[in-house]
Structures are given as C-alpha cells and as structure tokens.
C-alpha cells in the first residue's frame, strides 16, 4: 500500500513538472503547433485557461432563481433527461462490483489454487478488463453513444456481483 502511494505521489509530481498548463506553454510544441492547438480549442468554444471562479456556475441562490426562469427550465430539463439518470445509474453501478473485484484474489485462493495460480488468474482479469475497455471505445465511437454501451457492459458485471454475493459457498 505504501509502495503504490509513493509511486502515485511520484507520478503526480512528475506530471506537475513535465505536463504544461496549456497549449500555449507546451515546451514540446513548435510555435505553429501551438497556434493550431489553440485554434482547435477556439473551434470547440473552450478556453485555453481560466483561473476565475464564477460563483453563479456553482451556487443557485433563491433570488437568482426567481429572477431567471431559464435556470429553472434548465434544471428541470436536466432532471427529465434520461441521460442524466443513466449516468447517475452508471455511477452507482460502477461502485457495486468494487468490493468483489478487490477480493478476487481471496475468492480464487479459497477455491484451493496456489499463490502462483491465483496471481496468474488475476492477470487474466486484467487482460479481460483491457479488452472490455478497448471494445467499449470502439463500439462507442461507431455508435456515437457512450452511455448505452457502458450500461450494457455493466449488466453482466453487476449480475455476476449479485450472484457471487448471494449464492451459497457450498453445493
């Protein structure tokens, strides 16, 4: 645990020192490439850098809501949007199998596998995750829908978690 924390902290320091804040300060880009990257951001209508905190984007005060009916409309629209609820469900379902995946080595070892076999079977889980992530990206890019693809991919995962949690350990 300490080793992974040290590695994570070291990686974050390395990123902080090496990765630039914006395309305009990217040391690895030529001046022409910097201009192109800023133009892409402009085309997407996103800024290069903004260090100003806008309270009205984060806090909805009652007086503001009474004077601005469009904010209420946007809030209601977001609550009625199926994608909002799908992403909320996705966030909830993403946390269901965490406990099981963290205990997979214990579960595999309880089936009387050796330490080496348990480790090797854990590697298969990692390969499976990589394949699922790759196919999710491919299918999402072809269909144009991330939410539905991820939702469908979570169904067997959560079904397996429910079965592993509820089925008896013995026959």
N, C-alpha and C. Protein backbone atom coordinates (compact mmCIF):
# COMPACT_ATOMS: atom_id res chain seq x y z
N UNK A 1 0.83 -1.19 0.00
CA UNK A 1 0.00 0.00 0.00
C UNK A 1 0.87 1.26 0.00
N UNK A 2 1.90 1.24 0.82
CA UNK A 2 2.81 2.39 0.88
C UNK A 2 3.55 2.55 -0.44
N UNK A 3 3.92 1.43 -1.04
CA UNK A 3 4.67 1.49 -2.30
C UNK A 3 3.81 2.12 -3.39
N UNK A 4 2.55 1.70 -3.49
CA UNK A 4 1.69 2.29 -4.52
C UNK A 4 1.41 3.76 -4.24
N UNK A 5 1.30 4.12 -2.97
CA UNK A 5 1.10 5.54 -2.64
C UNK A 5 2.31 6.36 -3.04
N UNK A 6 3.49 5.84 -2.80
CA UNK A 6 4.72 6.55 -3.18
C UNK A 6 4.81 6.66 -4.70
N UNK A 7 4.48 5.57 -5.41
CA UNK A 7 4.50 5.62 -6.87
C UNK A 7 3.48 6.63 -7.41
N UNK A 8 2.30 6.65 -6.83
CA UNK A 8 1.28 7.60 -7.26
C UNK A 8 1.72 9.03 -7.00
N UNK A 9 2.27 9.27 -5.83
CA UNK A 9 2.74 10.61 -5.49
C UNK A 9 3.88 11.03 -6.41
N UNK A 10 4.81 10.12 -6.66
CA UNK A 10 5.93 10.43 -7.56
C UNK A 10 5.46 10.73 -8.97
N UNK A 11 4.49 9.96 -9.44
CA UNK A 11 3.94 10.20 -10.78
C UNK A 11 3.25 11.55 -10.85
N UNK A 12 2.52 11.91 -9.80
CA UNK A 12 1.84 13.21 -9.81
C UNK A 12 2.84 14.35 -9.82
N UNK A 13 3.92 14.22 -9.09
CA UNK A 13 4.96 15.26 -9.10
C UNK A 13 5.59 15.35 -10.49
N UNK A 14 5.86 14.20 -11.10
CA UNK A 14 6.44 14.20 -12.45
C UNK A 14 5.50 14.87 -13.44
N UNK A 15 4.21 14.58 -13.36
CA UNK A 15 3.25 15.22 -14.25
C UNK A 15 3.19 16.72 -14.00
N UNK A 16 3.24 17.11 -12.75
CA UNK A 16 3.18 18.53 -12.41
C UNK A 16 4.37 19.28 -12.99
N UNK A 17 5.53 18.63 -12.99
CA UNK A 17 6.73 19.28 -13.50
C UNK A 17 6.83 19.23 -15.02
N UNK A 18 6.32 18.18 -15.64
CA UNK A 18 6.54 17.97 -17.07
C UNK A 18 5.38 18.44 -17.94
N UNK A 19 4.15 18.17 -17.53
CA UNK A 19 2.99 18.47 -18.37
C UNK A 19 2.64 19.96 -18.25
N UNK A 20 2.51 20.66 -19.36
CA UNK A 20 2.24 22.10 -19.31
C UNK A 20 0.79 22.40 -18.92
N UNK A 21 0.57 23.65 -18.48
CA UNK A 21 -0.77 24.09 -18.09
C UNK A 21 -1.70 24.25 -19.28
N UNK A 22 -1.17 24.71 -20.38
CA UNK A 22 -1.99 24.97 -21.56
C UNK A 22 -1.16 24.75 -22.81
N UNK A 23 -1.82 24.70 -23.97
CA UNK A 23 -1.06 24.51 -25.21
C UNK A 23 -0.09 25.66 -25.50
N UNK A 24 -0.39 26.84 -24.97
CA UNK A 24 0.49 27.98 -25.25
C UNK A 24 1.82 27.87 -24.53
N UNK A 25 1.87 27.09 -23.46
CA UNK A 25 3.13 26.92 -22.73
C UNK A 25 3.72 25.53 -22.89
N UNK A 26 3.24 24.78 -23.87
CA UNK A 26 3.74 23.42 -24.10
C UNK A 26 5.13 23.49 -24.72
N UNK A 27 6.12 23.05 -23.99
CA UNK A 27 7.51 23.14 -24.44
C UNK A 27 7.80 22.21 -25.62
N UNK A 28 7.01 21.17 -25.78
CA UNK A 28 7.28 20.19 -26.84
C UNK A 28 6.59 20.54 -28.16
N UNK A 29 5.79 21.61 -28.19
CA UNK A 29 5.13 22.03 -29.42
C UNK A 29 5.90 23.17 -30.08
N UNK A 30 5.92 23.15 -31.39
CA UNK A 30 6.50 24.27 -32.12
C UNK A 30 5.51 25.44 -32.07
N UNK A 31 5.96 26.65 -32.35
CA UNK A 31 5.02 27.78 -32.34
C UNK A 31 3.81 27.57 -33.27
N UNK A 32 4.04 26.95 -34.41
CA UNK A 32 2.92 26.68 -35.33
C UNK A 32 1.95 25.66 -34.73
N UNK A 33 2.47 24.63 -34.08
CA UNK A 33 1.61 23.63 -33.45
C UNK A 33 0.82 24.23 -32.29
N UNK A 34 1.42 25.18 -31.59
CA UNK A 34 0.70 25.87 -30.52
C UNK A 34 -0.49 26.65 -31.07
N UNK A 35 -0.27 27.32 -32.18
CA UNK A 35 -1.36 28.08 -32.81
C UNK A 35 -2.47 27.13 -33.25
N UNK A 36 -2.10 26.01 -33.85
CA UNK A 36 -3.10 25.04 -34.30
C UNK A 36 -3.90 24.50 -33.12
N UNK A 37 -3.22 24.18 -32.02
CA UNK A 37 -3.93 23.63 -30.86
C UNK A 37 -4.87 24.67 -30.24
N UNK A 38 -4.45 25.92 -30.21
CA UNK A 38 -5.33 26.97 -29.68
C UNK A 38 -6.52 27.18 -30.61
N UNK A 39 -6.30 27.09 -31.90
CA UNK A 39 -7.41 27.23 -32.86
C UNK A 39 -8.42 26.09 -32.70
N UNK A 40 -7.94 24.90 -32.39
CA UNK A 40 -8.86 23.78 -32.13
C UNK A 40 -9.71 24.07 -30.91
N UNK A 41 -9.09 24.59 -29.87
CA UNK A 41 -9.85 24.94 -28.67
C UNK A 41 -10.87 26.03 -28.98
N UNK A 42 -10.48 26.97 -29.81
CA UNK A 42 -11.39 28.05 -30.19
C UNK A 42 -12.56 27.49 -30.99
N UNK A 43 -12.29 26.54 -31.88
CA UNK A 43 -13.36 25.93 -32.67
C UNK A 43 -14.34 25.17 -31.79
N UNK A 44 -13.84 24.58 -30.70
CA UNK A 44 -14.71 23.86 -29.77
C UNK A 44 -15.38 24.79 -28.76
N UNK A 45 -15.07 26.07 -28.85
CA UNK A 45 -15.59 27.09 -27.95
C UNK A 45 -15.22 26.79 -26.50
N UNK A 46 -13.99 26.35 -26.31
CA UNK A 46 -13.46 26.18 -24.97
C UNK A 46 -12.25 27.09 -24.82
N UNK A 47 -12.05 27.58 -23.65
CA UNK A 47 -10.94 28.49 -23.43
C UNK A 47 -9.63 27.76 -23.22
N UNK A 48 -8.56 28.50 -23.36
CA UNK A 48 -7.24 27.93 -23.14
C UNK A 48 -6.98 27.81 -21.64
N UNK A 49 -7.34 28.85 -20.91
CA UNK A 49 -7.09 28.85 -19.48
C UNK A 49 -8.03 29.83 -18.81
N UNK A 50 -8.59 29.44 -17.68
CA UNK A 50 -9.48 30.32 -16.94
C UNK A 50 -9.24 30.09 -15.46
N UNK A 51 -8.76 31.10 -14.78
CA UNK A 51 -8.47 30.96 -13.35
C UNK A 51 -9.43 31.76 -12.49
N UNK A 52 -10.56 32.17 -13.08
CA UNK A 52 -11.55 32.94 -12.34
C UNK A 52 -12.68 32.02 -11.90
N UNK A 53 -13.00 32.06 -10.62
CA UNK A 53 -14.09 31.28 -10.07
C UNK A 53 -15.39 32.04 -10.26
N UNK A 54 -16.37 31.40 -10.88
CA UNK A 54 -17.67 32.03 -11.11
C UNK A 54 -18.69 31.38 -10.19
N UNK A 55 -19.06 32.10 -9.16
CA UNK A 55 -19.96 31.55 -8.15
C UNK A 55 -21.30 31.14 -8.75
N UNK A 56 -21.79 31.90 -9.70
CA UNK A 56 -23.11 31.61 -10.26
C UNK A 56 -23.16 30.29 -11.03
N UNK A 57 -22.01 29.77 -11.41
CA UNK A 57 -22.00 28.48 -12.09
C UNK A 57 -22.13 27.32 -11.10
N UNK A 58 -21.85 27.58 -9.84
CA UNK A 58 -21.84 26.50 -8.86
C UNK A 58 -22.94 26.61 -7.82
N UNK A 59 -23.39 27.81 -7.54
CA UNK A 59 -24.39 28.02 -6.50
C UNK A 59 -25.61 28.68 -7.11
N UNK A 60 -26.77 28.11 -6.86
CA UNK A 60 -28.03 28.72 -7.31
C UNK A 60 -28.71 29.32 -6.09
N UNK A 61 -28.69 30.62 -6.00
CA UNK A 61 -29.35 31.29 -4.89
C UNK A 61 -30.83 31.47 -5.23
N UNK A 62 -31.66 31.54 -4.20
CA UNK A 62 -33.10 31.65 -4.41
C UNK A 62 -33.45 32.92 -5.17
N UNK A 63 -32.77 34.02 -4.87
CA UNK A 63 -33.09 35.28 -5.56
C UNK A 63 -32.73 35.20 -7.04
N UNK A 64 -31.67 34.48 -7.35
CA UNK A 64 -31.27 34.34 -8.75
C UNK A 64 -32.28 33.47 -9.48
N UNK A 65 -32.74 32.39 -8.83
CA UNK A 65 -33.70 31.50 -9.47
C UNK A 65 -35.03 32.19 -9.72
N UNK A 66 -35.45 33.07 -8.82
CA UNK A 66 -36.72 33.76 -9.01
C UNK A 66 -36.65 34.73 -10.18
N UNK A 67 -35.49 35.30 -10.41
CA UNK A 67 -35.34 36.28 -11.48
C UNK A 67 -34.98 35.64 -12.81
N UNK A 68 -34.58 34.40 -12.81
CA UNK A 68 -34.11 33.79 -14.05
C UNK A 68 -34.84 32.48 -14.27
N UNK A 69 -35.93 32.53 -15.02
CA UNK A 69 -36.73 31.33 -15.27
C UNK A 69 -35.99 30.33 -16.13
N UNK A 70 -35.03 30.79 -16.92
CA UNK A 70 -34.30 29.86 -17.78
C UNK A 70 -33.45 28.89 -16.96
N UNK A 71 -32.96 29.33 -15.81
CA UNK A 71 -32.18 28.42 -14.96
C UNK A 71 -33.07 27.31 -14.41
N UNK A 72 -34.27 27.66 -14.03
CA UNK A 72 -35.20 26.64 -13.54
C UNK A 72 -35.54 25.68 -14.68
N UNK A 73 -35.76 26.23 -15.85
CA UNK A 73 -36.06 25.39 -17.00
C UNK A 73 -34.91 24.42 -17.28
N UNK A 74 -33.67 24.92 -17.22
CA UNK A 74 -32.51 24.05 -17.47
C UNK A 74 -32.38 22.98 -16.40
N UNK A 75 -32.69 23.34 -15.16
CA UNK A 75 -32.61 22.36 -14.08
C UNK A 75 -33.67 21.28 -14.27
N UNK A 76 -34.88 21.68 -14.61
CA UNK A 76 -35.95 20.70 -14.85
C UNK A 76 -35.62 19.84 -16.06
N UNK A 77 -35.08 20.48 -17.09
CA UNK A 77 -34.70 19.75 -18.29
C UNK A 77 -33.64 18.69 -17.97
N UNK A 78 -32.67 19.05 -17.13
CA UNK A 78 -31.63 18.09 -16.75
C UNK A 78 -32.22 16.94 -15.93
N UNK A 79 -33.17 17.24 -15.06
CA UNK A 79 -33.78 16.19 -14.25
C UNK A 79 -34.68 15.27 -15.07
N UNK A 80 -35.22 15.77 -16.16
CA UNK A 80 -36.09 14.95 -17.01
C UNK A 80 -35.32 14.23 -18.12
N UNK A 81 -34.07 14.58 -18.29
CA UNK A 81 -33.27 13.97 -19.35
C UNK A 81 -32.88 12.54 -18.97
N UNK A 82 -33.20 11.56 -19.80
CA UNK A 82 -32.85 10.18 -19.47
C UNK A 82 -31.34 9.96 -19.34
N UNK A 83 -30.55 10.71 -20.08
CA UNK A 83 -29.10 10.53 -19.98
C UNK A 83 -28.58 10.91 -18.59
N UNK A 84 -29.19 11.91 -17.98
CA UNK A 84 -28.78 12.29 -16.63
C UNK A 84 -28.97 11.12 -15.68
N UNK A 85 -30.13 10.49 -15.76
CA UNK A 85 -30.42 9.37 -14.87
C UNK A 85 -29.60 8.14 -15.25
N UNK A 86 -29.31 7.99 -16.53
CA UNK A 86 -28.48 6.87 -16.95
C UNK A 86 -27.06 7.02 -16.41
N UNK A 87 -26.52 8.23 -16.45
CA UNK A 87 -25.19 8.45 -15.90
C UNK A 87 -25.19 8.31 -14.38
N UNK A 88 -26.28 8.72 -13.72
CA UNK A 88 -26.38 8.53 -12.27
C UNK A 88 -26.43 7.04 -11.94
N UNK A 89 -27.20 6.29 -12.71
CA UNK A 89 -27.27 4.85 -12.51
C UNK A 89 -25.91 4.20 -12.79
N UNK A 90 -25.26 4.67 -13.84
CA UNK A 90 -23.94 4.15 -14.19
C UNK A 90 -22.94 4.40 -13.06
N UNK A 91 -23.00 5.58 -12.47
CA UNK A 91 -22.09 5.88 -11.36
C UNK A 91 -22.36 4.97 -10.18
N UNK A 92 -23.62 4.72 -9.91
CA UNK A 92 -23.95 3.82 -8.81
C UNK A 92 -23.54 2.39 -9.09
N UNK A 93 -23.83 1.93 -10.31
CA UNK A 93 -23.49 0.55 -10.66
C UNK A 93 -21.99 0.33 -10.76
N UNK A 94 -21.26 1.37 -11.07
CA UNK A 94 -19.80 1.23 -11.18
C UNK A 94 -19.18 0.89 -9.84
N UNK A 95 -19.84 1.27 -8.76
CA UNK A 95 -19.27 1.01 -7.44
C UNK A 95 -19.72 -0.32 -6.84
N UNK A 96 -20.71 -0.96 -7.44
CA UNK A 96 -21.19 -2.23 -6.89
C UNK A 96 -20.12 -3.32 -6.93
N UNK A 97 -19.47 -3.56 -8.07
CA UNK A 97 -18.52 -4.68 -8.11
C UNK A 97 -17.15 -4.38 -7.51
N UNK A 98 -16.94 -3.19 -7.00
CA UNK A 98 -15.61 -2.84 -6.47
C UNK A 98 -15.18 -3.78 -5.36
N UNK A 99 -16.07 -4.04 -4.43
CA UNK A 99 -15.71 -4.92 -3.32
C UNK A 99 -15.37 -6.31 -3.78
N UNK A 100 -16.10 -6.80 -4.76
CA UNK A 100 -15.84 -8.14 -5.27
C UNK A 100 -14.52 -8.19 -6.03
N UNK A 101 -14.26 -7.18 -6.84
CA UNK A 101 -13.02 -7.21 -7.61
C UNK A 101 -11.80 -7.04 -6.71
N UNK A 102 -11.97 -6.31 -5.62
CA UNK A 102 -10.85 -6.17 -4.68
C UNK A 102 -10.58 -7.47 -3.94
N UNK A 103 -11.58 -8.30 -3.82
CA UNK A 103 -11.43 -9.56 -3.09
C UNK A 103 -11.26 -10.76 -4.02
N UNK A 104 -11.04 -10.51 -5.31
CA UNK A 104 -10.97 -11.63 -6.26
C UNK A 104 -9.84 -12.59 -5.92
N UNK A 105 -8.71 -12.09 -5.45
CA UNK A 105 -7.60 -12.99 -5.09
C UNK A 105 -7.99 -13.89 -3.93
N UNK A 106 -8.72 -13.36 -2.97
CA UNK A 106 -9.16 -14.17 -1.83
C UNK A 106 -10.15 -15.23 -2.29
N UNK A 107 -11.05 -14.83 -3.19
CA UNK A 107 -12.05 -15.78 -3.69
C UNK A 107 -11.37 -16.89 -4.49
N UNK A 108 -10.42 -16.52 -5.35
CA UNK A 108 -9.72 -17.53 -6.15
C UNK A 108 -8.90 -18.46 -5.24
N UNK A 109 -8.24 -17.89 -4.25
CA UNK A 109 -7.44 -18.71 -3.34
C UNK A 109 -8.32 -19.65 -2.52
N UNK A 110 -9.56 -19.25 -2.24
CA UNK A 110 -10.45 -20.11 -1.46
C UNK A 110 -10.89 -21.34 -2.25
N UNK A 111 -10.67 -21.34 -3.56
CA UNK A 111 -11.01 -22.50 -4.38
C UNK A 111 -9.82 -23.46 -4.43
N UNK A 112 -8.85 -23.25 -3.59
CA UNK A 112 -7.68 -24.11 -3.42
C UNK A 112 -6.66 -23.98 -4.56
N UNK A 113 -6.51 -22.77 -5.08
CA UNK A 113 -5.44 -22.52 -6.03
C UNK A 113 -4.19 -22.09 -5.26
N UNK A 114 -3.03 -22.34 -5.85
CA UNK A 114 -1.79 -21.90 -5.21
C UNK A 114 -1.64 -20.38 -5.38
N UNK A 115 -0.64 -19.82 -4.73
CA UNK A 115 -0.40 -18.38 -4.83
C UNK A 115 -0.06 -18.00 -6.26
N UNK A 116 0.77 -18.80 -6.92
CA UNK A 116 1.14 -18.53 -8.31
C UNK A 116 -0.08 -18.60 -9.23
N UNK A 117 -0.90 -19.63 -9.05
CA UNK A 117 -2.10 -19.76 -9.88
C UNK A 117 -3.07 -18.61 -9.63
N UNK A 118 -3.19 -18.19 -8.38
CA UNK A 118 -4.07 -17.06 -8.06
C UNK A 118 -3.58 -15.79 -8.73
N UNK A 119 -2.27 -15.58 -8.71
CA UNK A 119 -1.69 -14.40 -9.37
C UNK A 119 -1.91 -14.46 -10.87
N UNK A 120 -1.70 -15.62 -11.47
CA UNK A 120 -1.89 -15.76 -12.92
C UNK A 120 -3.36 -15.55 -13.30
N UNK A 121 -4.28 -16.06 -12.51
CA UNK A 121 -5.69 -15.84 -12.80
C UNK A 121 -6.07 -14.37 -12.61
N UNK A 122 -5.39 -13.69 -11.70
CA UNK A 122 -5.61 -12.25 -11.55
C UNK A 122 -5.16 -11.48 -12.78
N UNK A 123 -4.10 -11.97 -13.44
CA UNK A 123 -3.64 -11.34 -14.69
C UNK A 123 -4.69 -11.47 -15.79
N UNK A 124 -5.37 -12.60 -15.81
CA UNK A 124 -6.42 -12.80 -16.81
C UNK A 124 -7.54 -11.77 -16.62
N UNK A 125 -7.84 -11.47 -15.37
CA UNK A 125 -8.86 -10.45 -15.10
C UNK A 125 -8.42 -9.11 -15.67
N UNK A 126 -7.14 -8.77 -15.52
CA UNK A 126 -6.62 -7.51 -16.07
C UNK A 126 -6.69 -7.48 -17.58
N UNK A 127 -6.37 -8.60 -18.22
CA UNK A 127 -6.47 -8.67 -19.69
C UNK A 127 -7.92 -8.53 -20.12
N UNK A 128 -8.81 -9.18 -19.39
CA UNK A 128 -10.24 -9.05 -19.70
C UNK A 128 -10.72 -7.61 -19.59
N UNK A 129 -10.27 -6.92 -18.55
CA UNK A 129 -10.64 -5.51 -18.39
C UNK A 129 -10.13 -4.67 -19.55
N UNK A 130 -8.91 -4.95 -19.98
CA UNK A 130 -8.34 -4.20 -21.10
C UNK A 130 -9.14 -4.43 -22.38
N UNK A 131 -9.52 -5.67 -22.63
CA UNK A 131 -10.32 -5.99 -23.82
C UNK A 131 -11.68 -5.30 -23.75
N UNK A 132 -12.29 -5.31 -22.59
CA UNK A 132 -13.60 -4.67 -22.44
C UNK A 132 -13.49 -3.16 -22.66
N UNK A 133 -12.47 -2.55 -22.11
CA UNK A 133 -12.29 -1.10 -22.30
C UNK A 133 -12.07 -0.79 -23.78
N UNK A 134 -11.24 -1.58 -24.44
CA UNK A 134 -10.96 -1.34 -25.86
C UNK A 134 -12.22 -1.51 -26.70
N UNK A 135 -12.96 -2.60 -26.48
CA UNK A 135 -14.17 -2.81 -27.27
C UNK A 135 -15.23 -1.76 -26.95
N UNK A 136 -15.29 -1.31 -25.71
CA UNK A 136 -16.22 -0.24 -25.36
C UNK A 136 -15.90 1.02 -26.15
N UNK A 137 -14.63 1.36 -26.24
CA UNK A 137 -14.23 2.55 -27.00
C UNK A 137 -14.57 2.39 -28.48
N UNK A 138 -14.31 1.23 -29.04
CA UNK A 138 -14.58 1.01 -30.46
C UNK A 138 -16.08 1.09 -30.74
N UNK A 139 -16.87 0.39 -29.94
CA UNK A 139 -18.32 0.38 -30.16
C UNK A 139 -18.90 1.77 -29.92
N UNK A 140 -18.42 2.46 -28.89
CA UNK A 140 -18.93 3.81 -28.61
C UNK A 140 -18.61 4.77 -29.74
N UNK A 141 -17.42 4.66 -30.30
CA UNK A 141 -17.07 5.57 -31.39
C UNK A 141 -17.87 5.28 -32.65
N UNK A 142 -18.24 4.03 -32.85
CA UNK A 142 -19.03 3.69 -34.04
C UNK A 142 -20.50 3.99 -33.88
N UNK A 143 -21.02 3.84 -32.66
CA UNK A 143 -22.45 4.09 -32.44
C UNK A 143 -22.72 5.53 -32.02
N UNK A 144 -21.72 6.20 -31.50
CA UNK A 144 -21.90 7.57 -31.04
C UNK A 144 -22.59 7.67 -29.69
N UNK A 145 -22.68 6.57 -28.96
CA UNK A 145 -23.35 6.57 -27.67
C UNK A 145 -22.48 5.86 -26.64
N UNK A 146 -21.90 6.63 -25.74
CA UNK A 146 -21.10 6.02 -24.68
C UNK A 146 -21.98 5.44 -23.59
N UNK A 147 -23.01 6.17 -23.22
CA UNK A 147 -23.81 5.79 -22.05
C UNK A 147 -24.46 4.43 -22.22
N UNK A 148 -25.10 4.20 -23.36
CA UNK A 148 -25.80 2.93 -23.55
C UNK A 148 -24.82 1.76 -23.65
N UNK A 149 -23.71 1.98 -24.30
CA UNK A 149 -22.72 0.91 -24.43
C UNK A 149 -22.17 0.53 -23.06
N UNK A 150 -21.83 1.53 -22.27
CA UNK A 150 -21.29 1.25 -20.94
C UNK A 150 -22.36 0.60 -20.06
N UNK A 151 -23.59 1.07 -20.18
CA UNK A 151 -24.68 0.48 -19.39
C UNK A 151 -24.84 -1.01 -19.73
N UNK A 152 -24.83 -1.34 -21.00
CA UNK A 152 -24.96 -2.75 -21.41
C UNK A 152 -23.76 -3.56 -20.91
N UNK A 153 -22.57 -2.97 -20.95
CA UNK A 153 -21.39 -3.69 -20.47
C UNK A 153 -21.43 -3.91 -18.96
N UNK A 154 -22.11 -3.04 -18.23
CA UNK A 154 -22.19 -3.21 -16.79
C UNK A 154 -23.20 -4.26 -16.36
N UNK A 155 -24.13 -4.61 -17.21
CA UNK A 155 -25.16 -5.58 -16.82
C UNK A 155 -24.57 -6.94 -16.40
N UNK A 156 -23.72 -7.58 -17.22
CA UNK A 156 -23.17 -8.87 -16.77
C UNK A 156 -22.27 -8.72 -15.55
N UNK A 157 -21.58 -7.61 -15.48
CA UNK A 157 -20.70 -7.35 -14.34
C UNK A 157 -21.50 -7.31 -13.04
N UNK A 158 -22.59 -6.57 -13.06
CA UNK A 158 -23.40 -6.46 -11.85
C UNK A 158 -24.17 -7.74 -11.57
N UNK A 159 -24.59 -8.44 -12.61
CA UNK A 159 -25.25 -9.73 -12.40
C UNK A 159 -24.28 -10.70 -11.72
N UNK A 160 -23.04 -10.74 -12.19
CA UNK A 160 -22.04 -11.60 -11.56
C UNK A 160 -21.78 -11.22 -10.12
N UNK A 161 -21.76 -9.94 -9.84
CA UNK A 161 -21.56 -9.49 -8.46
C UNK A 161 -22.71 -9.91 -7.57
N UNK A 162 -23.92 -9.75 -8.07
CA UNK A 162 -25.10 -10.15 -7.29
C UNK A 162 -25.09 -11.65 -7.04
N UNK A 163 -24.78 -12.42 -8.08
CA UNK A 163 -24.75 -13.88 -7.92
C UNK A 163 -23.64 -14.31 -6.96
N UNK A 164 -22.46 -13.71 -7.09
CA UNK A 164 -21.36 -14.07 -6.20
C UNK A 164 -21.65 -13.69 -4.75
N UNK A 165 -22.43 -12.66 -4.57
CA UNK A 165 -22.75 -12.22 -3.21
C UNK A 165 -23.89 -13.01 -2.58
N UNK A 166 -24.79 -13.53 -3.41
CA UNK A 166 -25.98 -14.16 -2.85
C UNK A 166 -25.97 -15.69 -2.90
N UNK A 167 -25.23 -16.27 -3.82
CA UNK A 167 -25.22 -17.73 -3.91
C UNK A 167 -24.45 -18.34 -2.74
N UNK A 168 -24.84 -19.52 -2.31
CA UNK A 168 -24.13 -20.15 -1.19
C UNK A 168 -22.73 -20.61 -1.61
N UNK A 169 -21.82 -20.67 -0.64
CA UNK A 169 -20.45 -21.07 -0.91
C UNK A 169 -20.32 -22.57 -1.12
N UNK A 170 -21.28 -23.32 -0.66
CA UNK A 170 -21.22 -24.77 -0.81
C UNK A 170 -22.35 -25.25 -1.70
N UNK A 171 -22.18 -26.46 -2.22
CA UNK A 171 -23.24 -27.04 -3.04
C UNK A 171 -24.28 -27.62 -2.12
